Protein backbone atom coordinates (compact mmCIF):
# COMPACT_ATOMS: atom_id res chain seq x y z
CA MET A 1 157.78 -138.60 55.87
CA HIS A 2 157.24 -134.83 55.73
CA LEU A 3 153.98 -133.35 54.62
CA PRO A 4 153.94 -131.01 51.64
CA ILE A 5 154.27 -127.34 52.71
CA HIS A 6 150.74 -126.43 51.67
CA LEU A 7 149.26 -129.30 53.69
CA ALA A 8 151.38 -128.47 56.72
CA LEU A 9 150.31 -124.79 56.49
CA ARG A 10 146.68 -125.86 56.28
CA ARG A 11 147.01 -128.16 59.25
CA GLU A 12 148.76 -125.48 61.31
CA PHE A 13 146.70 -122.45 60.40
CA GLY A 14 143.44 -123.80 59.02
CA ASP A 15 142.28 -125.83 61.93
CA VAL A 16 139.67 -123.82 63.81
CA ARG A 17 139.79 -126.04 66.88
CA ARG A 18 143.53 -125.62 67.12
CA TRP A 19 143.20 -121.82 67.07
CA GLN A 20 140.32 -121.89 69.55
CA ALA A 21 142.53 -123.87 71.98
CA ARG A 22 145.41 -121.42 71.48
CA LEU A 23 143.18 -118.41 72.19
CA VAL A 24 141.65 -120.08 75.29
CA VAL A 25 145.08 -120.99 76.74
CA LEU A 26 146.62 -117.58 76.07
CA ALA A 27 143.60 -115.71 77.40
CA ALA A 28 143.69 -117.83 80.54
CA ALA A 29 147.40 -117.11 80.89
CA VAL A 30 146.68 -113.34 80.75
CA LEU A 31 144.03 -113.72 83.42
CA ALA A 32 146.30 -115.90 85.56
CA GLY A 33 149.10 -113.35 85.35
CA LEU A 34 146.82 -110.46 86.17
CA SER A 35 145.36 -112.45 89.10
CA VAL A 36 148.89 -112.87 90.54
CA VAL A 37 149.59 -109.17 89.98
CA ALA A 38 146.43 -108.28 91.92
CA PHE A 39 147.38 -110.80 94.57
CA THR A 40 150.80 -109.25 94.85
CA TRP A 41 149.37 -105.78 95.27
CA VAL A 42 146.84 -106.83 97.92
CA THR A 43 149.36 -108.85 99.97
CA GLU A 44 151.83 -105.95 99.95
CA ARG A 45 149.14 -103.54 101.12
CA ALA A 46 148.12 -106.02 103.82
CA LEU A 47 151.67 -106.19 105.21
CA GLU A 48 152.06 -102.48 105.07
CA LEU A 49 148.83 -102.14 107.08
CA PHE A 50 150.16 -104.53 109.64
CA PHE A 51 153.25 -102.54 110.21
CA ALA A 52 151.22 -99.34 110.32
CA LEU A 53 149.05 -100.78 113.08
CA ARG A 54 152.12 -102.02 114.90
CA ALA A 55 153.61 -98.50 114.83
CA GLN A 56 150.55 -97.31 116.73
CA ALA A 57 151.17 -99.75 119.58
CA LEU A 58 154.08 -102.17 119.75
CA TRP A 59 152.13 -104.52 122.01
CA LEU A 60 149.20 -104.82 119.58
CA PRO A 61 150.66 -107.87 117.71
CA LEU A 62 150.66 -109.83 120.97
CA LEU A 63 146.84 -109.75 120.75
CA TRP A 64 146.20 -109.36 116.99
CA VAL A 65 148.54 -112.12 115.72
CA PRO A 66 147.22 -115.00 117.88
CA ALA A 67 143.59 -114.07 117.32
CA GLY A 68 144.16 -113.59 113.58
CA THR A 69 146.04 -116.87 113.21
CA ALA A 70 143.25 -118.80 115.00
CA ALA A 71 140.63 -117.16 112.80
CA ILE A 72 142.42 -117.92 109.57
CA VAL A 73 142.93 -121.59 110.52
CA TRP A 74 139.26 -121.89 111.52
CA LEU A 75 138.09 -120.35 108.20
CA THR A 76 140.53 -122.55 106.26
CA ARG A 77 139.44 -125.79 107.86
CA ARG A 78 135.74 -124.83 107.77
CA PHE A 79 135.43 -123.58 104.24
CA ALA A 80 138.56 -124.36 102.18
CA PRO A 81 140.79 -127.08 103.60
CA GLY A 82 142.50 -127.44 100.23
CA ALA A 83 143.85 -123.91 100.58
CA ALA A 84 146.02 -124.65 103.62
CA GLY A 85 149.79 -124.48 103.32
CA SER A 86 151.92 -123.54 100.37
CA GLY A 87 149.72 -124.48 97.37
CA ILE A 88 152.57 -126.12 95.41
CA PRO A 89 151.89 -129.61 96.91
CA GLN A 90 148.23 -129.26 95.97
CA VAL A 91 149.11 -128.59 92.32
CA MET A 92 151.57 -131.46 92.32
CA ALA A 93 148.96 -133.74 93.80
CA ALA A 94 146.40 -132.70 91.20
CA LEU A 95 148.87 -133.85 88.52
CA GLU A 96 149.20 -137.34 89.90
CA THR A 97 147.65 -140.27 88.03
CA PRO A 98 145.26 -141.46 90.78
CA VAL A 99 143.54 -138.08 90.78
CA THR A 100 140.47 -138.06 88.54
CA ALA A 101 138.74 -135.05 87.05
CA LYS A 102 136.02 -135.47 89.74
CA ASP A 103 138.59 -135.23 92.56
CA ARG A 104 140.81 -132.52 91.17
CA PRO A 105 138.77 -129.64 92.69
CA LEU A 106 139.95 -130.93 96.11
CA PHE A 107 143.36 -129.45 95.19
CA VAL A 108 142.83 -126.87 92.44
CA SER A 109 139.75 -124.80 91.62
CA LEU A 110 138.54 -121.23 91.30
CA LYS A 111 137.04 -121.51 94.82
CA LEU A 112 140.39 -122.55 96.27
CA ALA A 113 142.14 -119.83 94.31
CA ALA A 114 139.80 -117.20 95.75
CA ALA A 115 140.25 -118.61 99.26
CA LYS A 116 144.00 -118.66 98.84
CA PHE A 117 143.94 -115.00 97.77
CA VAL A 118 141.98 -113.82 100.75
CA LEU A 119 143.48 -116.03 103.46
CA THR A 120 147.12 -115.45 102.45
CA ALA A 121 146.51 -111.72 102.46
CA ALA A 122 144.95 -112.10 105.90
CA GLY A 123 148.03 -113.94 107.06
CA LEU A 124 150.29 -111.04 106.07
CA LEU A 125 147.80 -108.68 107.69
CA CYS A 126 148.59 -110.63 110.83
CA GLY A 127 152.34 -110.31 110.26
CA LEU A 128 152.90 -114.00 109.84
CA SER A 129 156.17 -115.23 108.34
CA LEU A 130 154.97 -116.47 104.95
CA GLY A 131 155.41 -115.77 101.27
CA ARG A 132 152.95 -115.31 98.40
CA GLU A 133 154.92 -117.34 95.79
CA GLY A 134 153.58 -120.82 96.65
CA PRO A 135 150.02 -119.51 96.87
CA SER A 136 150.54 -117.81 93.52
CA VAL A 137 151.12 -121.24 92.04
CA GLN A 138 147.83 -122.62 93.26
CA LEU A 139 146.04 -119.38 92.37
CA ALA A 140 147.30 -119.30 88.76
CA ALA A 141 146.78 -123.04 88.33
CA GLY A 142 143.15 -122.62 89.50
CA VAL A 143 142.55 -119.91 86.87
CA MET A 144 144.21 -121.91 84.04
CA HIS A 145 142.50 -125.13 85.03
CA HIS A 146 139.11 -123.41 84.94
CA ALA A 147 139.69 -122.59 81.23
CA ARG A 148 139.37 -126.30 80.33
CA ARG A 149 135.57 -125.92 79.89
CA TRP A 150 136.13 -123.61 76.91
CA LEU A 151 138.53 -125.88 75.09
CA PRO A 152 137.17 -127.55 71.96
CA GLU A 153 136.52 -131.30 71.86
CA ARG A 154 139.58 -133.40 71.12
CA SER A 155 141.81 -130.47 71.98
CA PRO A 156 145.54 -131.21 72.13
CA VAL A 157 145.74 -129.26 75.34
CA THR A 158 144.97 -131.49 78.36
CA GLU A 159 144.00 -130.67 81.93
CA HIS A 160 147.47 -131.80 82.94
CA GLY A 161 148.99 -129.30 80.54
CA LEU A 162 146.81 -126.48 81.84
CA LEU A 163 147.79 -127.26 85.42
CA VAL A 164 151.53 -127.33 84.55
CA ALA A 165 151.26 -124.05 82.66
CA GLY A 166 149.21 -122.47 85.44
CA GLY A 167 151.50 -123.50 88.27
CA ALA A 168 154.59 -122.32 86.33
CA ALA A 169 152.84 -119.08 85.35
CA GLY A 170 152.33 -118.39 89.09
CA ILE A 171 156.07 -118.52 89.71
CA ALA A 172 156.79 -116.46 86.56
CA ALA A 173 154.39 -113.74 87.62
CA ALA A 174 155.25 -113.78 91.34
CA PHE A 175 159.00 -113.47 90.76
CA ASN A 176 158.71 -111.40 87.61
CA THR A 177 160.92 -114.06 85.94
CA PRO A 178 159.34 -116.07 83.07
CA LEU A 179 162.47 -118.20 82.74
CA ALA A 180 162.14 -119.36 86.38
CA GLY A 181 158.52 -120.34 85.68
CA ILE A 182 159.56 -122.52 82.75
CA MET A 183 162.27 -124.16 84.80
CA PHE A 184 159.85 -124.70 87.68
CA ALA A 185 157.47 -126.51 85.27
CA ILE A 186 160.33 -128.78 84.19
CA GLU A 187 161.84 -129.39 87.60
CA GLU A 188 158.82 -129.71 89.84
CA LEU A 189 155.56 -130.07 87.92
CA SER A 190 155.90 -131.77 84.55
CA ARG A 191 156.37 -135.49 84.29
CA LYS A 192 155.70 -135.86 80.60
CA PRO A 193 158.29 -134.92 78.00
CA GLU A 194 155.80 -133.90 75.35
CA GLN A 195 154.46 -131.22 77.72
CA ARG A 196 157.93 -129.95 78.50
CA SER A 197 158.41 -129.05 74.80
CA SER A 198 154.97 -127.64 74.17
CA GLY A 199 155.38 -124.24 72.61
CA LEU A 200 151.88 -123.18 73.47
CA LEU A 201 152.21 -123.91 77.16
CA VAL A 202 155.62 -122.23 77.30
CA ALA A 203 154.13 -119.19 75.59
CA ALA A 204 151.38 -119.17 78.27
CA ILE A 205 153.96 -119.19 80.99
CA VAL A 206 155.92 -116.38 79.44
CA LEU A 207 152.77 -114.39 78.80
CA ALA A 208 151.68 -114.64 82.44
CA GLY A 209 155.13 -113.44 83.48
CA LEU A 210 154.87 -110.51 81.09
CA MET A 211 151.71 -109.41 82.85
CA ALA A 212 153.82 -108.74 85.95
CA VAL A 213 156.46 -106.98 83.88
CA SER A 214 153.84 -104.79 82.23
CA VAL A 215 152.50 -103.63 85.63
CA TYR A 216 155.60 -103.49 87.82
CA GLY A 217 158.19 -102.92 85.17
CA ASN A 218 161.35 -105.02 84.73
CA ALA A 219 162.17 -104.73 88.40
CA THR A 220 164.05 -107.41 90.34
CA TYR A 221 162.71 -109.22 93.37
CA PHE A 222 164.89 -107.75 96.13
CA GLY A 223 166.64 -105.06 94.11
CA VAL A 224 169.87 -105.54 92.18
CA ILE A 225 172.78 -107.34 93.74
CA GLN A 226 176.04 -105.89 92.44
CA SER A 227 178.41 -108.73 91.67
CA ARG A 228 182.19 -108.53 91.70
CA ALA A 229 184.84 -110.42 89.81
CA LEU A 230 185.41 -113.92 91.17
CA SER A 231 188.71 -114.67 92.89
CA LEU A 232 190.26 -117.31 95.08
CA ASP A 233 189.41 -115.36 98.23
CA LEU A 234 185.76 -116.24 97.60
CA LEU A 235 186.36 -120.02 97.61
CA TRP A 236 186.52 -120.53 101.36
CA PRO A 237 183.58 -118.34 102.48
CA ALA A 238 181.46 -119.55 99.52
CA THR A 239 182.07 -123.20 100.50
CA VAL A 240 181.04 -122.40 104.04
CA VAL A 241 177.84 -120.71 102.82
CA ALA A 242 176.97 -123.63 100.53
CA LEU A 243 177.42 -126.19 103.29
CA ALA A 244 175.79 -124.13 106.04
CA SER A 245 172.78 -123.14 103.91
CA GLY A 246 172.37 -126.74 102.70
CA LEU A 247 172.43 -127.99 106.27
CA ALA A 248 170.03 -125.30 107.53
CA GLY A 249 167.67 -125.61 104.61
CA GLY A 250 167.69 -129.40 104.81
CA LEU A 251 166.87 -129.33 108.54
CA PHE A 252 164.15 -126.75 107.86
CA ALA A 253 162.53 -128.96 105.23
CA ARG A 254 162.79 -132.04 107.44
CA LEU A 255 161.26 -130.20 110.39
CA LEU A 256 158.42 -128.89 108.27
CA LEU A 257 157.63 -132.34 106.90
CA VAL A 258 157.66 -134.08 110.30
CA SER A 259 155.53 -131.32 111.77
CA LEU A 260 152.94 -131.11 108.97
CA ALA A 261 152.72 -134.89 108.65
CA GLY A 262 151.87 -135.14 112.31
CA GLU A 263 154.32 -138.03 112.65
CA GLY A 264 155.56 -136.96 116.07
CA GLY A 265 154.03 -138.57 119.12
CA ASP A 266 154.86 -135.55 121.27
CA ARG A 267 152.34 -133.50 123.16
CA ALA A 268 152.38 -130.61 120.67
CA SER A 269 151.53 -132.92 117.73
CA ARG A 270 148.71 -134.52 119.67
CA TRP A 271 147.40 -131.06 120.63
CA ARG A 272 147.50 -129.98 117.01
CA ARG A 273 145.45 -132.93 115.92
CA ALA A 274 142.92 -132.56 118.72
CA SER A 275 142.53 -128.74 118.81
CA PRO A 276 143.93 -127.21 115.60
CA VAL A 277 142.46 -123.74 116.18
CA ARG A 278 143.78 -123.43 119.72
CA PHE A 279 147.10 -124.73 118.55
CA ALA A 280 147.16 -122.11 115.79
CA CYS A 281 146.47 -119.42 118.41
CA ALA A 282 149.45 -120.64 120.48
CA CYS A 283 151.64 -120.58 117.36
CA GLY A 284 150.49 -117.03 116.67
CA LEU A 285 151.34 -115.98 120.20
CA ALA A 286 154.85 -117.48 119.83
CA ILE A 287 155.29 -115.70 116.48
CA ALA A 288 154.16 -112.39 117.99
CA THR A 289 156.59 -112.86 120.89
CA ILE A 290 159.49 -113.53 118.53
CA GLY A 291 158.50 -110.41 116.51
CA PHE A 292 158.39 -108.31 119.66
CA VAL A 293 161.80 -109.53 120.80
CA THR A 294 163.36 -108.82 117.37
CA ASP A 295 161.71 -105.36 117.09
CA GLY A 296 159.49 -106.53 114.26
CA ALA A 297 162.28 -107.98 112.07
CA THR A 298 160.74 -111.43 111.73
CA PHE A 299 157.21 -110.25 110.93
CA GLY A 300 155.99 -110.72 107.36
CA SER A 301 157.66 -112.23 104.30
CA GLY A 302 161.09 -110.74 104.78
CA TYR A 303 161.20 -108.56 101.60
CA LEU A 304 161.89 -105.32 103.33
CA HIS A 305 164.53 -106.77 105.65
CA SER A 306 166.36 -108.41 102.77
CA ARG A 307 166.28 -105.25 100.67
CA GLU A 308 167.65 -103.13 103.53
CA MET A 309 170.33 -105.78 104.30
CA LEU A 310 171.50 -105.79 100.66
CA ALA A 311 171.60 -102.04 100.57
CA GLY A 312 173.69 -102.01 103.79
CA SER A 313 171.16 -99.87 105.57
CA ARG A 314 170.18 -102.47 108.21
CA GLU A 315 172.28 -104.16 110.79
CA THR A 316 171.17 -107.79 111.06
CA PRO A 317 171.77 -109.40 114.43
CA GLY A 318 173.20 -112.94 114.42
CA VAL A 319 170.05 -114.31 116.03
CA PHE A 320 167.86 -113.21 113.12
CA VAL A 321 168.50 -116.43 111.20
CA LEU A 322 167.31 -118.55 114.18
CA PHE A 323 164.28 -116.42 114.94
CA LYS A 324 163.16 -116.09 111.33
CA PHE A 325 163.63 -119.86 110.93
CA LEU A 326 161.38 -120.46 113.99
CA ALA A 327 158.76 -117.90 112.97
CA THR A 328 158.48 -119.43 109.46
CA TRP A 329 158.26 -122.95 110.86
CA LEU A 330 155.58 -121.97 113.40
CA THR A 331 153.56 -120.20 110.64
CA ALA A 332 153.58 -123.29 108.48
CA TRP A 333 152.89 -125.59 111.40
CA ALA A 334 149.87 -123.53 112.45
CA GLY A 335 148.23 -124.51 109.15
CA VAL A 336 147.62 -121.10 107.55
CA PRO A 337 147.74 -120.68 103.80
CA GLY A 338 151.14 -119.30 102.82
CA GLY A 339 154.45 -120.21 101.16
CA ILE A 340 158.07 -120.45 102.24
CA PHE A 341 159.90 -119.03 99.22
CA ALA A 342 160.30 -115.44 100.43
CA PRO A 343 161.11 -116.32 104.05
CA SER A 344 163.64 -118.84 102.79
CA LEU A 345 165.35 -116.16 100.75
CA ALA A 346 165.40 -113.90 103.82
CA ILE A 347 166.85 -116.62 106.04
CA GLY A 348 169.45 -117.59 103.50
CA GLY A 349 170.45 -114.04 102.80
CA ALA A 350 170.92 -113.33 106.53
CA LEU A 351 172.95 -116.50 106.88
CA GLY A 352 175.23 -115.36 104.09
CA ASN A 353 175.53 -111.96 105.70
CA ASP A 354 176.53 -113.55 109.04
CA ILE A 355 179.19 -115.70 107.33
CA ALA A 356 180.57 -112.63 105.53
CA ALA A 357 180.98 -110.96 108.96
CA LEU A 358 182.54 -114.07 110.54
CA THR A 359 185.02 -114.67 107.71
CA GLY A 360 185.80 -111.00 107.15
CA PHE A 361 184.82 -111.23 103.48
CA GLY A 362 184.78 -107.72 102.03
CA HIS A 363 181.75 -107.98 99.78
CA ALA A 364 178.76 -109.17 101.81
CA PRO A 365 176.16 -108.97 98.93
CA THR A 366 178.02 -111.78 97.14
CA LEU A 367 177.63 -114.15 100.14
CA ILE A 368 174.09 -112.91 100.72
CA ALA A 369 173.15 -114.00 97.22
CA LEU A 370 174.82 -117.34 97.69
CA GLY A 371 173.03 -117.82 101.00
CA MET A 372 169.68 -117.05 99.36
CA VAL A 373 170.12 -119.58 96.55
CA GLY A 374 171.61 -122.18 98.90
CA PHE A 375 168.87 -122.10 101.54
CA LEU A 376 166.08 -121.95 98.97
CA ALA A 377 167.59 -124.83 96.97
CA ALA A 378 168.00 -126.90 100.15
CA ALA A 379 164.54 -126.17 101.48
CA THR A 380 162.75 -126.96 98.19
CA GLN A 381 165.32 -129.34 96.59
CA ALA A 382 164.70 -127.47 93.35
CA PRO A 383 168.25 -126.19 92.66
CA LEU A 384 167.74 -125.04 89.04
CA THR A 385 164.62 -123.04 89.80
CA SER A 386 166.31 -121.47 92.83
CA PHE A 387 169.41 -120.67 90.87
CA ILE A 388 167.44 -118.90 88.11
CA ILE A 389 165.35 -116.93 90.59
CA VAL A 390 168.43 -115.53 92.36
CA MET A 391 170.34 -115.13 89.11
CA GLU A 392 167.77 -112.64 87.97
CA MET A 393 168.71 -110.45 90.96
CA VAL A 394 172.36 -110.27 90.07
CA ASP A 395 173.69 -107.38 88.03
CA GLY A 396 176.04 -109.09 85.50
CA HIS A 397 177.11 -112.68 84.89
CA GLY A 398 180.09 -112.86 87.15
CA MET A 399 178.28 -114.95 89.76
CA VAL A 400 176.34 -117.32 87.49
CA LEU A 401 178.65 -120.31 88.00
CA SER A 402 179.09 -119.76 91.73
CA LEU A 403 175.30 -119.46 92.21
CA MET A 404 174.73 -122.66 90.28
CA ALA A 405 177.43 -124.51 92.16
CA CYS A 406 176.06 -123.31 95.56
CA ALA A 407 172.52 -124.39 94.63
CA LEU A 408 173.67 -127.86 93.63
CA VAL A 409 175.86 -128.38 96.68
CA ALA A 410 173.20 -127.16 99.12
CA SER A 411 170.55 -129.34 97.46
CA ALA A 412 172.83 -132.37 97.66
CA VAL A 413 173.36 -131.77 101.40
CA SER A 414 169.63 -131.44 101.86
CA ARG A 415 168.93 -134.71 100.05
CA VAL A 416 171.13 -136.50 102.62
CA LEU A 417 168.96 -135.10 105.41
CA GLY A 418 165.53 -135.94 104.02
CA ARG A 419 163.05 -136.34 101.19
CA PRO A 420 162.13 -133.53 98.78
CA LEU A 421 159.65 -131.34 100.72
CA TYR A 422 157.05 -130.65 98.04
CA GLY A 423 156.91 -134.21 96.81
CA ALA A 424 156.37 -135.55 100.32
CA LEU A 425 153.71 -132.88 101.04
CA ALA A 426 151.98 -133.79 97.79
CA ALA A 427 151.80 -137.39 98.95
CA LEU A 428 150.13 -136.19 102.13
CA GLN A 429 147.60 -134.25 99.99
CA LEU A 430 146.68 -137.47 98.19
CA ALA A 431 145.56 -138.87 101.53
CA ARG A 432 142.56 -136.47 101.22
CA LEU A 433 141.21 -138.37 98.23
CA PRO A 434 137.87 -140.14 98.96
CA SER A 435 139.41 -143.47 97.99
CA ALA A 436 142.14 -142.99 100.62
CA LEU A 437 139.72 -142.26 103.38
CA PRO A 438 138.28 -145.09 105.54
CA PRO A 439 134.69 -146.03 104.77
CA PRO A 440 132.09 -144.35 106.98
CA ALA A 441 130.71 -146.40 109.85
CA PRO A 442 127.29 -147.93 109.13
CA PRO A 443 124.29 -146.45 110.96
CA ALA A 444 123.31 -148.03 114.22
CA SER A 445 120.23 -149.57 112.67
CA ALA A 446 122.37 -151.44 110.15
CA MET A 447 124.74 -152.79 112.75
CA PRO A 448 124.45 -156.55 113.32
CA PRO A 449 123.17 -157.52 116.75
CA GLY A 450 125.56 -158.44 119.44
C-alpha cells in the first residue's frame, strides 16, 4: 500500500537523521576521492623521482631497490601488517560475517590508510612493479569507514555499506571511471542486494570519482585507444589474444596465490617464512637486475611504457611480457604494499602487441586493448570491471562487444586454472583474526609439573 504523497515527502525530506546520514556519507565520499587524488599525485612524483635518480647512475637501482624493498617490508611488518599487499583482499575480508566491529581495524582503518599511502609511494620510489589501484581501494575504504562515528543512531547506512562504497570509490577515483567503481562494488565487494541498489551509496561512489575528474580532467587512464571497424580479419588474432591472456593471467593469479599463501615446501618459501626482510631484499635485487637488463622498462607501474606502446613510439621486445610478469610477481611475493592492476594492464597490452606482430595484424592498438582487458580479467577474475575499465580508454563503441567477449573468455580460462585471486587472498586475511590464531602458551609457572 502506497503512502499518501504528503506523508512520503515528509518521510523523505523531513527526517533530520536521514539528512544527517546523507551529508556524512557524501562528505566522506568527497574526502575519500580527494585522498585518492592526493595519493595519485604523490605516487606519480615518487616514480618520476626514481627514474630521475636512475638517470644519474644506471647501477644505482642495484643498491637502492633491494635496500628499499627490505626497509618497506620491515616497516610494514613492524607497524602496519594489515597494509601489506593489494588492499582489496583486506576490504573483502572486513566485509565478511565473522569479522566484528572490534576486529575490523585489522583490515581497514585510517591508520592503515595512512600506512598504505606512504608505503606504496615508497615502493614506487624504489621502482617496484606495483600499481596504486588496489591500495586506493583500502585507502578510500578506510576514509569512508571512519565516517561511521558521525552517523546518527539507527542510521540506514551500515558499516558494511560504507566499506562497499569506500572500496568502490577507490576504483572510481583511481581509474577516473565512476562506472567501473559501481561495477566493482557489484562484482567484488557487495553481497547484499539492498546495498547494490542503494542510491546514496552509488551517489557516494560517483562523487568520489568526480573528485578525480575535477582535478585531472576527463582524461583516460593510458590515453585514448583509437578503435577501428570490426571485420572478420580480427577474429583469428582476437581469439589468440583472449586465450593467451586468459592462460597467462590465470597462471599469474595461481602463482601469486601459491606464493603468498606460503603453501610451497620449497626452500624459497621456507626462507620467506623464516627471514621475510632478507627475502624481500633478495626479491628487490632480482627486480633491480631485471630492470637493468630491460633498460628500465620493467620498473614501476607500467603506465609510461603502455602509453608509449599505444602511441607507437616505443619498440617493445618480446621478452618484456615475461620480465614484467616476473618483476610483478616478485614485488608481490616480497610482501610490499601495492596492487597488480596497472602492471596487469601493461603485461596484457604487451602480450596483445606481440600477437599483433606475430599474426601480422595491421592495427596493433586493437589487440593491445584486448590483451589489457584479457589479462586483467584473468588475473582478477572480475571480467565486468575489467571490461568497463578498458572500455573507458577506447575512442568510440566499435570494440565494446569484442572487449566484453575477450574479458569473459579470458576469465573463463582463468577459472579452469585456479580460484579467484582476491577471494582466496581475503580468506588468508581472515586467518589474522584473533579467533583464528592458536591460544598463547601458558607461562612456565602455570605449567603442570612433569
